[in-house]
Amino acid sequence: MTADSKPFLQIVRGDPGPEEIAALVAVLTARAQAAAAARDGGGPARPSRWADRSRLVRSTFAGELRPRGAGAWRASGLPR
C-alpha cells in the first residue's frame, strides 16, 4: 500500500481475527454482487407454474370453469 492511498476497509474498533475479517469480506462481496445483479436485471428467475404455491389457493366457484368431458382428467392436473 502506498502512503497516499486510502484502505478500502478499515477496522476501527475491536481486535478481529483473520477468520472474522474473512467472513466480513465474504458478506460484503456477496451483497455487492447481488446488488450488481439486481441492477443489471439478472435477478432470480420466476418460479415455474408447478412450483408456484398460489395455484393451491381455491378460487371462487363462479369464476372457475372446470374442464368436463373426455380430456378433463388431463386438464385437472395442469396449472392454469
Protein backbone atom coordinates (compact mmCIF):
# COMPACT_ATOMS: atom_id res chain seq x y z
CA MET A 1 0.00 0.00 0.00
CA THR A 2 1.34 3.41 -0.86
CA ALA A 3 1.35 6.33 1.57
CA ASP A 4 -1.26 8.37 -0.36
CA SER A 5 -3.86 5.59 -0.90
CA LYS A 6 -6.77 5.03 1.47
CA PRO A 7 -7.63 1.50 2.59
CA PHE A 8 -10.83 0.03 1.18
CA LEU A 9 -11.81 -1.46 4.52
CA GLN A 10 -10.72 -0.25 7.91
CA ILE A 11 -11.49 -1.83 11.29
CA VAL A 12 -11.93 0.99 13.81
CA ARG A 13 -12.94 -0.96 16.94
CA GLY A 14 -12.12 -4.31 18.45
CA ASP A 15 -9.50 -6.83 17.57
CA PRO A 16 -10.98 -9.17 14.93
CA GLY A 17 -9.14 -12.30 13.96
CA PRO A 18 -8.38 -13.32 10.38
CA GLU A 19 -11.48 -15.54 10.25
CA GLU A 20 -13.76 -12.68 11.30
CA ILE A 21 -12.25 -10.33 8.73
CA ALA A 22 -12.63 -13.01 6.04
CA ALA A 23 -16.29 -13.52 7.00
CA LEU A 24 -16.93 -9.78 6.82
CA VAL A 25 -15.29 -9.51 3.41
CA ALA A 26 -17.30 -12.51 2.14
CA VAL A 27 -20.61 -10.96 3.28
CA LEU A 28 -19.80 -7.58 1.78
CA THR A 29 -18.72 -9.19 -1.51
CA ALA A 30 -21.90 -11.28 -1.75
CA ARG A 31 -24.05 -8.23 -1.05
CA ALA A 32 -22.24 -6.18 -3.70
CA GLN A 33 -22.64 -8.96 -6.27
CA ALA A 34 -26.37 -9.30 -5.50
CA ALA A 35 -26.85 -5.54 -5.87
CA ALA A 36 -25.00 -5.56 -9.20
CA ALA A 37 -27.10 -8.47 -10.47
CA ALA A 38 -30.31 -6.66 -9.48
CA ARG A 39 -29.17 -3.52 -11.29
CA ASP A 40 -28.37 -5.49 -14.43
CA GLY A 41 -31.70 -7.30 -14.42
CA GLY A 42 -30.07 -10.61 -13.62
CA GLY A 43 -32.30 -11.26 -10.64
CA PRO A 44 -33.70 -14.63 -9.77
CA ALA A 45 -35.87 -16.27 -12.38
CA ARG A 46 -39.59 -16.57 -11.77
CA PRO A 47 -40.58 -19.96 -10.37
CA SER A 48 -42.29 -22.36 -12.71
CA ARG A 49 -46.04 -22.56 -12.53
CA TRP A 50 -45.70 -26.01 -10.94
CA ALA A 51 -43.67 -24.50 -8.10
CA ASP A 52 -45.98 -21.50 -7.68
CA ARG A 53 -47.83 -22.00 -4.39
CA SER A 54 -50.62 -19.59 -5.31
CA ARG A 55 -52.17 -22.24 -7.52
CA LEU A 56 -53.04 -24.20 -4.38
CA VAL A 57 -55.44 -21.48 -3.25
CA ARG A 58 -59.00 -22.23 -4.24
CA SER A 59 -60.79 -19.66 -6.35
CA THR A 60 -64.49 -18.88 -6.24
CA PHE A 61 -66.86 -21.27 -7.91
CA ALA A 62 -68.38 -18.59 -10.14
CA GLY A 63 -65.02 -17.52 -11.53
CA GLU A 64 -63.77 -21.00 -12.25
CA LEU A 65 -64.70 -23.23 -15.15
CA ARG A 66 -63.68 -26.79 -14.54
CA PRO A 67 -62.99 -28.86 -17.62
CA ARG A 68 -65.57 -31.50 -18.29
CA GLY A 69 -65.70 -34.34 -20.73
CA ALA A 70 -63.27 -36.84 -22.22
CA GLY A 71 -59.99 -34.95 -21.55
CA ALA A 72 -60.93 -33.48 -18.16
CA TRP A 73 -58.63 -35.77 -16.19
CA ARG A 74 -55.64 -34.44 -18.14
CA ALA A 75 -56.57 -30.78 -17.70
CA SER A 76 -57.29 -31.18 -13.99
CA GLY A 77 -53.63 -31.70 -13.10
CA LEU A 78 -52.19 -28.85 -15.15
CA PRO A 79 -51.71 -25.34 -13.76
CA ARG A 80 -53.82 -22.61 -15.25
